[in-house]
Amino acid sequence: MNVPVDEAQFLTMLLKLMNAKKTLEIGVFTGYSLLTTALTLPEDGKVIAIDPDKEAYEVGAPFIKKAGMQHKIEFFPSDAFLVLDDLIKNGEEGSFDFVFVDAYKSDYLKFHELTLKLVKVGGIVAYDNTLWYGSVAQSEKEVVEDLIKRYRNFVVEFNSFIAADPRVESSLLSIGDGLTLCRRLY
């Protein structure tokens, strides 16, 4: 359930090219991508990390501490929508350079609306698993595994929406299980 190594390396390069300083991660699990991001940001960089599963985060927390990155991370063991709403209410709109979303695929469209408010113009929102084990290229009848079948239509709908969204310039990369990058245009 961690981000694949090649995807983490790509995100590291992307963050460096962007000179990202303030980022947001929705869906942390054990924190591999979170640690990768924190290591990439400058010393005064900041990552706001949100995941309702505090126990999973605590599995990776010793590695974050060993790497000396805990000062860059503000972890919220919470429902992401509550934290995102609070960030918007507290004037954080347009303040993030980069947002990484790896949460329930059924919520990606809702996350998109909120993250577009939070990322700055020219910033990037990245969505993980947008190839969904290759199922987005299969007919619904060809998909047999229950978990993949359960979320496939959400991912297909999300991909179609992003491709037509005039607010972003997007690219679906065949890295890991699919990574969609959305650069906010306005």
N, C-alpha and C. Protein backbone atom coordinates (compact mmCIF):
# COMPACT_ATOMS: atom_id res chain seq x y z
N MET A 1 0.81 -1.20 0.00
CA MET A 1 0.00 0.00 0.00
C MET A 1 0.85 1.27 0.00
N ASN A 2 2.16 1.11 -0.01
CA ASN A 2 3.02 2.29 -0.09
C ASN A 2 3.16 2.74 -1.54
N VAL A 3 3.56 3.96 -1.72
CA VAL A 3 3.88 4.49 -3.03
C VAL A 3 5.09 3.70 -3.56
N PRO A 4 5.07 3.27 -4.83
CA PRO A 4 6.23 2.56 -5.38
C PRO A 4 7.47 3.46 -5.40
N VAL A 5 8.64 2.85 -5.32
CA VAL A 5 9.90 3.59 -5.26
C VAL A 5 10.07 4.51 -6.45
N ASP A 6 9.73 4.03 -7.67
CA ASP A 6 9.92 4.89 -8.84
C ASP A 6 9.02 6.12 -8.79
N GLU A 7 7.84 5.97 -8.24
CA GLU A 7 6.93 7.11 -8.09
C GLU A 7 7.47 8.09 -7.06
N ALA A 8 7.99 7.57 -5.96
CA ALA A 8 8.58 8.44 -4.94
C ALA A 8 9.76 9.22 -5.50
N GLN A 9 10.59 8.57 -6.31
CA GLN A 9 11.73 9.25 -6.92
C GLN A 9 11.25 10.33 -7.89
N PHE A 10 10.21 10.03 -8.65
CA PHE A 10 9.66 11.03 -9.56
C PHE A 10 9.12 12.23 -8.79
N LEU A 11 8.36 11.97 -7.72
CA LEU A 11 7.80 13.08 -6.94
C LEU A 11 8.90 13.92 -6.31
N THR A 12 9.98 13.28 -5.89
CA THR A 12 11.12 14.00 -5.34
C THR A 12 11.68 14.98 -6.37
N MET A 13 11.87 14.49 -7.57
CA MET A 13 12.41 15.35 -8.64
C MET A 13 11.43 16.49 -8.94
N LEU A 14 10.14 16.17 -9.02
CA LEU A 14 9.12 17.18 -9.31
C LEU A 14 9.13 18.28 -8.25
N LEU A 15 9.17 17.89 -6.98
CA LEU A 15 9.18 18.87 -5.90
C LEU A 15 10.42 19.76 -5.96
N LYS A 16 11.54 19.18 -6.32
CA LYS A 16 12.77 19.97 -6.46
C LYS A 16 12.64 20.96 -7.61
N LEU A 17 12.13 20.49 -8.75
CA LEU A 17 11.97 21.36 -9.91
C LEU A 17 11.02 22.52 -9.63
N MET A 18 10.02 22.26 -8.80
CA MET A 18 9.02 23.27 -8.44
C MET A 18 9.52 24.22 -7.36
N ASN A 19 10.60 23.87 -6.71
CA ASN A 19 11.05 24.60 -5.52
C ASN A 19 9.94 24.65 -4.47
N ALA A 20 9.26 23.51 -4.32
CA ALA A 20 8.14 23.44 -3.38
C ALA A 20 8.62 23.66 -1.96
N LYS A 21 7.80 24.36 -1.20
CA LYS A 21 8.12 24.66 0.18
C LYS A 21 6.98 24.26 1.13
N LYS A 22 5.75 24.37 0.62
CA LYS A 22 4.59 24.06 1.45
C LYS A 22 3.70 23.05 0.71
N THR A 23 3.52 21.87 1.32
CA THR A 23 2.78 20.82 0.67
C THR A 23 1.71 20.23 1.59
N LEU A 24 0.85 19.47 0.97
CA LEU A 24 -0.27 18.83 1.66
C LEU A 24 -0.36 17.40 1.18
N GLU A 25 -0.54 16.46 2.09
CA GLU A 25 -0.69 15.05 1.71
C GLU A 25 -1.97 14.51 2.33
N ILE A 26 -2.84 14.00 1.48
CA ILE A 26 -4.12 13.43 1.92
C ILE A 26 -4.04 11.92 1.71
N GLY A 27 -4.01 11.20 2.81
CA GLY A 27 -3.81 9.75 2.78
C GLY A 27 -2.33 9.47 2.99
N VAL A 28 -1.96 9.10 4.19
CA VAL A 28 -0.56 8.98 4.56
C VAL A 28 -0.12 7.53 4.72
N PHE A 29 -1.01 6.69 5.21
CA PHE A 29 -0.71 5.29 5.55
C PHE A 29 0.49 5.28 6.51
N THR A 30 1.59 4.61 6.16
CA THR A 30 2.73 4.54 7.08
C THR A 30 3.75 5.65 6.86
N GLY A 31 3.51 6.51 5.89
CA GLY A 31 4.32 7.72 5.75
C GLY A 31 5.50 7.66 4.82
N TYR A 32 5.59 6.66 3.94
CA TYR A 32 6.73 6.60 3.02
C TYR A 32 6.78 7.81 2.10
N SER A 33 5.68 8.11 1.42
CA SER A 33 5.68 9.29 0.54
C SER A 33 5.81 10.58 1.34
N LEU A 34 5.27 10.58 2.54
CA LEU A 34 5.38 11.74 3.43
C LEU A 34 6.84 12.01 3.79
N LEU A 35 7.56 10.96 4.16
CA LEU A 35 8.98 11.11 4.50
C LEU A 35 9.77 11.55 3.27
N THR A 36 9.46 10.97 2.12
CA THR A 36 10.13 11.35 0.89
C THR A 36 9.95 12.84 0.62
N THR A 37 8.72 13.33 0.80
CA THR A 37 8.43 14.74 0.60
C THR A 37 9.20 15.60 1.61
N ALA A 38 9.14 15.23 2.87
CA ALA A 38 9.81 16.02 3.90
C ALA A 38 11.31 16.11 3.65
N LEU A 39 11.91 15.01 3.22
CA LEU A 39 13.35 15.01 2.93
C LEU A 39 13.69 15.92 1.75
N THR A 40 12.75 16.10 0.85
CA THR A 40 12.98 16.90 -0.35
C THR A 40 12.82 18.39 -0.10
N LEU A 41 11.94 18.76 0.80
CA LEU A 41 11.65 20.17 1.05
C LEU A 41 12.84 20.86 1.73
N PRO A 42 12.94 22.17 1.56
CA PRO A 42 14.01 22.91 2.25
C PRO A 42 13.82 22.83 3.76
N GLU A 43 14.82 23.24 4.49
CA GLU A 43 14.80 23.13 5.95
C GLU A 43 13.57 23.79 6.57
N ASP A 44 13.10 24.88 5.98
CA ASP A 44 11.92 25.56 6.53
C ASP A 44 10.63 25.14 5.82
N GLY A 45 10.69 24.03 5.05
CA GLY A 45 9.51 23.53 4.37
C GLY A 45 8.51 22.90 5.32
N LYS A 46 7.30 22.71 4.84
CA LYS A 46 6.21 22.22 5.69
C LYS A 46 5.32 21.26 4.90
N VAL A 47 4.95 20.16 5.54
CA VAL A 47 3.98 19.22 4.99
C VAL A 47 2.85 19.07 5.98
N ILE A 48 1.64 19.34 5.53
CA ILE A 48 0.46 19.02 6.34
C ILE A 48 -0.01 17.66 5.85
N ALA A 49 -0.09 16.71 6.76
CA ALA A 49 -0.43 15.33 6.43
C ALA A 49 -1.72 14.94 7.14
N ILE A 50 -2.62 14.31 6.38
CA ILE A 50 -3.93 13.96 6.94
C ILE A 50 -4.23 12.49 6.66
N ASP A 51 -4.57 11.76 7.71
CA ASP A 51 -5.02 10.38 7.57
C ASP A 51 -5.78 10.01 8.84
N PRO A 52 -6.94 9.36 8.69
CA PRO A 52 -7.69 8.99 9.90
C PRO A 52 -7.04 7.84 10.68
N ASP A 53 -6.11 7.11 10.05
CA ASP A 53 -5.50 5.93 10.67
C ASP A 53 -4.20 6.31 11.37
N LYS A 54 -4.32 6.75 12.61
CA LYS A 54 -3.15 7.18 13.37
C LYS A 54 -2.19 6.01 13.63
N GLU A 55 -2.74 4.81 13.81
CA GLU A 55 -1.90 3.65 14.08
C GLU A 55 -0.97 3.35 12.90
N ALA A 56 -1.48 3.45 11.68
CA ALA A 56 -0.63 3.21 10.50
C ALA A 56 0.47 4.27 10.44
N TYR A 57 0.12 5.52 10.70
CA TYR A 57 1.11 6.60 10.69
C TYR A 57 2.20 6.33 11.73
N GLU A 58 1.81 5.84 12.88
CA GLU A 58 2.77 5.59 13.95
C GLU A 58 3.77 4.49 13.62
N VAL A 59 3.45 3.63 12.65
CA VAL A 59 4.40 2.62 12.18
C VAL A 59 5.60 3.31 11.54
N GLY A 60 5.34 4.35 10.76
CA GLY A 60 6.42 5.06 10.08
C GLY A 60 7.02 6.20 10.87
N ALA A 61 6.36 6.63 11.93
CA ALA A 61 6.83 7.79 12.71
C ALA A 61 8.28 7.65 13.21
N PRO A 62 8.71 6.48 13.66
CA PRO A 62 10.12 6.36 14.09
C PRO A 62 11.12 6.65 12.96
N PHE A 63 10.76 6.32 11.73
CA PHE A 63 11.64 6.59 10.59
C PHE A 63 11.69 8.08 10.29
N ILE A 64 10.54 8.73 10.44
CA ILE A 64 10.49 10.19 10.26
C ILE A 64 11.37 10.86 11.31
N LYS A 65 11.27 10.38 12.56
CA LYS A 65 12.08 10.94 13.64
C LYS A 65 13.57 10.67 13.42
N LYS A 66 13.90 9.42 13.01
CA LYS A 66 15.30 9.06 12.77
C LYS A 66 15.91 9.92 11.66
N ALA A 67 15.09 10.29 10.68
CA ALA A 67 15.56 11.14 9.59
C ALA A 67 15.59 12.61 9.98
N GLY A 68 15.08 12.94 11.17
CA GLY A 68 15.08 14.32 11.64
C GLY A 68 14.10 15.21 10.90
N MET A 69 12.99 14.64 10.48
CA MET A 69 12.03 15.39 9.65
C MET A 69 10.74 15.75 10.37
N GLN A 70 10.60 15.39 11.64
CA GLN A 70 9.34 15.64 12.34
C GLN A 70 8.99 17.12 12.43
N HIS A 71 9.98 18.00 12.39
CA HIS A 71 9.70 19.45 12.47
C HIS A 71 9.05 19.98 11.19
N LYS A 72 9.14 19.23 10.10
CA LYS A 72 8.53 19.67 8.84
C LYS A 72 7.10 19.16 8.68
N ILE A 73 6.70 18.21 9.52
CA ILE A 73 5.42 17.52 9.33
C ILE A 73 4.43 17.89 10.42
N GLU A 74 3.24 18.26 9.99
CA GLU A 74 2.13 18.46 10.91
C GLU A 74 1.07 17.42 10.54
N PHE A 75 0.93 16.41 11.39
CA PHE A 75 0.04 15.29 11.11
C PHE A 75 -1.31 15.48 11.79
N PHE A 76 -2.37 15.30 11.00
CA PHE A 76 -3.74 15.37 11.52
C PHE A 76 -4.39 14.00 11.40
N PRO A 77 -4.59 13.30 12.53
CA PRO A 77 -5.29 12.01 12.49
C PRO A 77 -6.80 12.27 12.43
N SER A 78 -7.29 12.56 11.25
CA SER A 78 -8.65 13.07 11.12
C SER A 78 -9.23 12.74 9.76
N ASP A 79 -10.51 12.95 9.65
CA ASP A 79 -11.18 12.93 8.36
C ASP A 79 -10.63 14.10 7.55
N ALA A 80 -10.21 13.82 6.33
CA ALA A 80 -9.55 14.85 5.51
C ALA A 80 -10.49 16.02 5.20
N PHE A 81 -11.76 15.76 4.99
CA PHE A 81 -12.66 16.84 4.62
C PHE A 81 -12.79 17.88 5.73
N LEU A 82 -12.74 17.44 6.98
CA LEU A 82 -12.80 18.39 8.10
C LEU A 82 -11.56 19.29 8.11
N VAL A 83 -10.39 18.69 7.92
CA VAL A 83 -9.15 19.46 7.94
C VAL A 83 -9.09 20.41 6.73
N LEU A 84 -9.47 19.91 5.56
CA LEU A 84 -9.44 20.76 4.36
C LEU A 84 -10.39 21.94 4.51
N ASP A 85 -11.58 21.69 5.04
CA ASP A 85 -12.53 22.79 5.28
C ASP A 85 -11.94 23.81 6.25
N ASP A 86 -11.29 23.32 7.31
CA ASP A 86 -10.66 24.22 8.28
C ASP A 86 -9.54 25.04 7.63
N LEU A 87 -8.74 24.41 6.78
CA LEU A 87 -7.67 25.14 6.09
C LEU A 87 -8.25 26.27 5.23
N ILE A 88 -9.33 25.98 4.55
CA ILE A 88 -9.97 26.99 3.71
C ILE A 88 -10.54 28.11 4.58
N LYS A 89 -11.22 27.74 5.66
CA LYS A 89 -11.80 28.75 6.56
C LYS A 89 -10.73 29.62 7.21
N ASN A 90 -9.54 29.04 7.41
CA ASN A 90 -8.44 29.77 8.07
C ASN A 90 -7.54 30.53 7.10
N GLY A 91 -8.03 30.72 5.86
CA GLY A 91 -7.32 31.56 4.92
C GLY A 91 -6.14 30.91 4.20
N GLU A 92 -6.11 29.60 4.11
CA GLU A 92 -5.00 28.90 3.46
C GLU A 92 -5.21 28.72 1.95
N GLU A 93 -6.27 29.30 1.41
CA GLU A 93 -6.53 29.15 -0.03
C GLU A 93 -5.34 29.67 -0.83
N GLY A 94 -4.95 28.89 -1.83
CA GLY A 94 -3.87 29.29 -2.71
C GLY A 94 -2.50 29.33 -2.07
N SER A 95 -2.31 28.65 -0.94
CA SER A 95 -1.03 28.75 -0.24
C SER A 95 -0.13 27.53 -0.39
N PHE A 96 -0.63 26.46 -1.01
CA PHE A 96 0.17 25.24 -1.14
C PHE A 96 0.81 25.15 -2.52
N ASP A 97 2.06 24.73 -2.54
CA ASP A 97 2.76 24.53 -3.81
C ASP A 97 2.37 23.20 -4.45
N PHE A 98 2.13 22.20 -3.60
CA PHE A 98 1.91 20.84 -4.08
C PHE A 98 0.98 20.11 -3.13
N VAL A 99 0.10 19.30 -3.72
CA VAL A 99 -0.81 18.45 -2.94
C VAL A 99 -0.72 17.04 -3.50
N PHE A 100 -0.59 16.05 -2.63
CA PHE A 100 -0.58 14.64 -3.03
C PHE A 100 -1.80 13.97 -2.43
N VAL A 101 -2.61 13.32 -3.28
CA VAL A 101 -3.83 12.67 -2.82
C VAL A 101 -3.72 11.17 -3.09
N ASP A 102 -3.79 10.39 -2.02
CA ASP A 102 -3.78 8.93 -2.11
C ASP A 102 -4.74 8.41 -1.05
N ALA A 103 -6.01 8.63 -1.30
CA ALA A 103 -7.05 8.28 -0.33
C ALA A 103 -8.14 7.50 -1.06
N TYR A 104 -9.33 7.45 -0.48
CA TYR A 104 -10.42 6.72 -1.11
C TYR A 104 -10.70 7.27 -2.50
N LYS A 105 -10.66 6.38 -3.46
CA LYS A 105 -10.85 6.79 -4.86
C LYS A 105 -12.26 7.33 -5.08
N SER A 106 -13.20 6.88 -4.29
CA SER A 106 -14.59 7.36 -4.39
C SER A 106 -14.71 8.82 -4.00
N ASP A 107 -13.71 9.36 -3.32
CA ASP A 107 -13.73 10.75 -2.88
C ASP A 107 -12.85 11.68 -3.73
N TYR A 108 -12.21 11.17 -4.76
CA TYR A 108 -11.28 11.98 -5.54
C TYR A 108 -11.92 13.23 -6.13
N LEU A 109 -13.14 13.13 -6.64
CA LEU A 109 -13.78 14.33 -7.20
C LEU A 109 -14.02 15.39 -6.14
N LYS A 110 -14.42 14.97 -4.94
CA LYS A 110 -14.63 15.92 -3.85
C LYS A 110 -13.30 16.53 -3.41
N PHE A 111 -12.26 15.68 -3.34
CA PHE A 111 -10.94 16.20 -2.99
C PHE A 111 -10.46 17.21 -4.02
N HIS A 112 -10.76 16.95 -5.28
CA HIS A 112 -10.31 17.83 -6.35
C HIS A 112 -10.85 19.25 -6.16
N GLU A 113 -12.11 19.36 -5.82
CA GLU A 113 -12.71 20.69 -5.64
C GLU A 113 -12.05 21.44 -4.49
N LEU A 114 -11.75 20.74 -3.42
CA LEU A 114 -11.13 21.39 -2.26
C LEU A 114 -9.65 21.69 -2.48
N THR A 115 -8.93 20.74 -3.07
CA THR A 115 -7.50 20.96 -3.26
C THR A 115 -7.23 22.06 -4.28
N LEU A 116 -8.12 22.23 -5.25
CA LEU A 116 -7.92 23.33 -6.20
C LEU A 116 -8.04 24.69 -5.52
N LYS A 117 -8.78 24.75 -4.44
CA LYS A 117 -8.85 25.99 -3.68
C LYS A 117 -7.57 26.22 -2.88
N LEU A 118 -6.94 25.14 -2.45
CA LEU A 118 -5.79 25.24 -1.56
C LEU A 118 -4.45 25.39 -2.29
N VAL A 119 -4.34 24.80 -3.47
CA VAL A 119 -3.08 24.89 -4.21
C VAL A 119 -3.01 26.23 -4.94
N LYS A 120 -1.83 26.79 -5.01
CA LYS A 120 -1.66 28.09 -5.67
C LYS A 120 -1.79 27.93 -7.18
N VAL A 121 -2.06 29.01 -7.87
CA VAL A 121 -2.06 29.01 -9.33
C VAL A 121 -0.65 28.64 -9.78
N GLY A 122 -0.56 27.66 -10.66
CA GLY A 122 0.73 27.14 -11.08
C GLY A 122 1.21 25.97 -10.25
N GLY A 123 0.55 25.73 -9.12
CA GLY A 123 0.89 24.58 -8.27
C GLY A 123 0.32 23.30 -8.83
N ILE A 124 0.71 22.19 -8.23
CA ILE A 124 0.32 20.88 -8.75
C ILE A 124 -0.40 20.06 -7.68
N VAL A 125 -1.47 19.41 -8.13
CA VAL A 125 -2.16 18.39 -7.33
C VAL A 125 -1.90 17.06 -8.02
N ALA A 126 -1.38 16.09 -7.29
CA ALA A 126 -1.08 14.77 -7.83
C ALA A 126 -2.02 13.75 -7.20
N TYR A 127 -2.62 12.92 -8.05
CA TYR A 127 -3.54 11.88 -7.60
C TYR A 127 -2.94 10.52 -7.90
N ASP A 128 -2.86 9.67 -6.89
CA ASP A 128 -2.26 8.35 -7.03
C ASP A 128 -3.31 7.32 -7.48
N ASN A 129 -2.83 6.26 -8.08
CA ASN A 129 -3.64 5.09 -8.47
C ASN A 129 -4.69 5.39 -9.54
N THR A 130 -4.39 6.26 -10.47
CA THR A 130 -5.39 6.63 -11.47
C THR A 130 -5.42 5.68 -12.68
N LEU A 131 -4.60 4.64 -12.67
CA LEU A 131 -4.77 3.56 -13.64
C LEU A 131 -5.52 2.39 -13.00
N TRP A 132 -5.61 2.41 -11.72
CA TRP A 132 -6.35 1.45 -10.90
C TRP A 132 -6.14 0.01 -11.39
N TYR A 133 -4.89 -0.42 -11.29
CA TYR A 133 -4.48 -1.78 -11.66
C TYR A 133 -4.79 -2.10 -13.12
N GLY A 134 -4.81 -1.11 -13.96
CA GLY A 134 -5.09 -1.29 -15.37
C GLY A 134 -6.57 -1.43 -15.70
N SER A 135 -7.41 -1.41 -14.69
CA SER A 135 -8.85 -1.65 -14.90
C SER A 135 -9.53 -0.53 -15.67
N VAL A 136 -8.94 0.67 -15.67
CA VAL A 136 -9.56 1.79 -16.39
C VAL A 136 -9.51 1.57 -17.90
N ALA A 137 -8.64 0.66 -18.35
CA ALA A 137 -8.54 0.35 -19.77
C ALA A 137 -9.33 -0.91 -20.14
N GLN A 138 -10.00 -1.49 -19.16
CA GLN A 138 -10.79 -2.70 -19.39
C GLN A 138 -12.28 -2.37 -19.35
N SER A 139 -13.06 -3.24 -19.94
CA SER A 139 -14.50 -3.09 -19.80
C SER A 139 -14.88 -3.50 -18.39
N GLU A 140 -16.00 -3.04 -17.93
CA GLU A 140 -16.45 -3.36 -16.57
C GLU A 140 -16.58 -4.87 -16.38
N LYS A 141 -16.98 -5.57 -17.41
CA LYS A 141 -17.17 -7.03 -17.33
C LYS A 141 -15.85 -7.77 -17.17
N GLU A 142 -14.75 -7.20 -17.66
CA GLU A 142 -13.45 -7.85 -17.58
C GLU A 142 -12.83 -7.79 -16.19
N VAL A 143 -13.29 -6.88 -15.37
CA VAL A 143 -12.73 -6.70 -14.03
C VAL A 143 -13.38 -7.70 -13.09
N VAL A 144 -12.56 -8.56 -12.47
CA VAL A 144 -13.12 -9.62 -11.63
C VAL A 144 -12.86 -9.44 -10.14
N GLU A 145 -11.74 -8.84 -9.76
CA GLU A 145 -11.42 -8.69 -8.34
C GLU A 145 -12.34 -7.66 -7.70
N ASP A 146 -12.91 -8.00 -6.55
CA ASP A 146 -13.93 -7.17 -5.89
C ASP A 146 -13.45 -5.76 -5.56
N LEU A 147 -12.28 -5.63 -4.94
CA LEU A 147 -11.78 -4.31 -4.56
C LEU A 147 -11.58 -3.43 -5.79
N ILE A 148 -11.01 -4.00 -6.81
CA ILE A 148 -10.77 -3.23 -8.04
C ILE A 148 -12.10 -2.86 -8.68
N LYS A 149 -13.01 -3.79 -8.72
CA LYS A 149 -14.33 -3.55 -9.31
C LYS A 149 -15.08 -2.47 -8.54
N ARG A 150 -14.98 -2.49 -7.22
CA ARG A 150 -15.72 -1.56 -6.37
C ARG A 150 -15.38 -0.10 -6.66
N TYR A 151 -14.11 0.19 -6.96
CA TYR A 151 -13.68 1.58 -7.14
C TYR A 151 -13.37 1.95 -8.59
N ARG A 152 -13.40 0.99 -9.49
CA ARG A 152 -13.04 1.24 -10.89
C ARG A 152 -13.84 2.38 -11.50
N ASN A 153 -15.15 2.36 -11.36
CA ASN A 153 -15.99 3.39 -11.98
C ASN A 153 -15.70 4.78 -11.43
N PHE A 154 -15.36 4.86 -10.14
CA PHE A 154 -14.99 6.16 -9.56
C PHE A 154 -13.74 6.70 -10.23
N VAL A 155 -12.76 5.82 -10.46
CA VAL A 155 -11.51 6.25 -11.08
C VAL A 155 -11.74 6.63 -12.54
N VAL A 156 -12.54 5.86 -13.25
CA VAL A 156 -12.86 6.19 -14.64
C VAL A 156 -13.55 7.55 -14.72
N GLU A 157 -14.53 7.76 -13.84
CA GLU A 157 -15.26 9.04 -13.81
C GLU A 157 -14.31 10.19 -13.47
N PHE A 158 -13.43 9.97 -12.51
CA PHE A 158 -12.46 10.99 -12.12
C PHE A 158 -11.54 11.34 -13.29
N ASN A 159 -10.99 10.33 -13.94
CA ASN A 159 -10.09 10.56 -15.07
C ASN A 159 -10.78 11.35 -16.18
N SER A 160 -12.03 11.02 -16.47
CA SER A 160 -12.78 11.73 -17.51
C SER A 160 -13.01 13.18 -17.11
N PHE A 161 -13.34 13.39 -15.84
CA PHE A 161 -13.58 14.74 -15.35
C PHE A 161 -12.31 15.59 -15.46
N ILE A 162 -11.20 15.05 -15.00
CA ILE A 162 -9.93 15.79 -15.02
C ILE A 162 -9.53 16.14 -16.45
N ALA A 163 -9.71 15.20 -17.36
CA ALA A 163 -9.33 15.44 -18.76
C ALA A 163 -10.10 16.61 -19.36
N ALA A 164 -11.31 16.89 -18.84
CA ALA A 164 -12.15 17.96 -19.38
C ALA A 164 -12.19 19.20 -18.50
N ASP A 165 -11.49 19.19 -17.37
CA ASP A 165 -11.55 20.31 -16.42
C ASP A 165 -10.70 21.47 -16.95
N PRO A 166 -11.32 22.60 -17.30
CA PRO A 166 -10.56 23.72 -17.86
C PRO A 166 -9.69 24.44 -16.83
N ARG A 167 -9.85 24.14 -15.55
CA ARG A 167 -9.09 24.82 -14.51
C ARG A 167 -7.68 24.26 -14.36
N VAL A 168 -7.45 23.09 -14.98
CA VAL A 168 -6.15 22.42 -14.83
C VAL A 168 -5.60 21.97 -16.17
N GLU A 169 -4.29 21.88 -16.20
CA GLU A 169 -3.59 21.19 -17.27
C GLU A 169 -3.19 19.86 -16.64
N SER A 170 -3.55 18.74 -17.28
CA SER A 170 -3.33 17.46 -16.62
C SER A 170 -2.55 16.49 -17.48
N SER A 171 -1.95 15.53 -16.80
CA SER A 171 -1.23 14.46 -17.46
C SER A 171 -1.33 13.22 -16.59
N LEU A 172 -1.76 12.11 -17.19
CA LEU A 172 -1.84 10.83 -16.48
C LEU A 172 -0.58 10.04 -16.85
N LEU A 173 0.27 9.82 -15.87
CA LEU A 173 1.54 9.13 -16.08
C LEU A 173 1.40 7.65 -15.73
N SER A 174 2.04 6.82 -16.52
CA SER A 174 2.01 5.38 -16.25
C SER A 174 3.18 4.98 -15.35
N ILE A 175 3.27 5.65 -14.24
CA ILE A 175 4.27 5.35 -13.22
C ILE A 175 3.53 4.79 -12.03
N GLY A 176 4.11 3.79 -11.36
CA GLY A 176 3.40 3.14 -10.27
C GLY A 176 2.09 2.56 -10.80
N ASP A 177 1.01 2.88 -10.14
CA ASP A 177 -0.33 2.44 -10.56
C ASP A 177 -1.08 3.59 -11.22
N GLY A 178 -0.34 4.50 -11.81
CA GLY A 178 -0.94 5.67 -12.46
C GLY A 178 -0.87 6.86 -11.53
N LEU A 179 -0.35 7.94 -12.04
CA LEU A 179 -0.23 9.18 -11.28
C LEU A 179 -0.72 10.31 -12.18
N THR A 180 -1.76 10.98 -11.75
CA THR A 180 -2.29 12.11 -12.52
C THR A 180 -1.81 13.40 -11.90
N LEU A 181 -1.18 14.23 -12.72
CA LEU A 181 -0.71 15.54 -12.28
C LEU A 181 -1.67 16.58 -12.84
N CYS A 182 -2.10 17.50 -12.00
CA CYS A 182 -2.97 18.60 -12.40
C CYS A 182 -2.31 19.92 -11.99
N ARG A 183 -1.95 20.70 -12.99
CA ARG A 183 -1.38 22.03 -12.71
C ARG A 183 -2.51 23.02 -12.76
N ARG A 184 -2.71 23.75 -11.65
CA ARG A 184 -3.80 24.72 -11.56
C ARG A 184 -3.50 25.90 -12.47
N LEU A 185 -4.46 26.19 -13.35
CA LEU A 185 -4.29 27.28 -14.32
C LEU A 185 -4.84 28.61 -13.81
N TYR A 186 -5.91 28.60 -13.06
CA TYR A 186 -6.48 29.83 -12.50
C TYR A 186 -7.26 29.54 -11.25
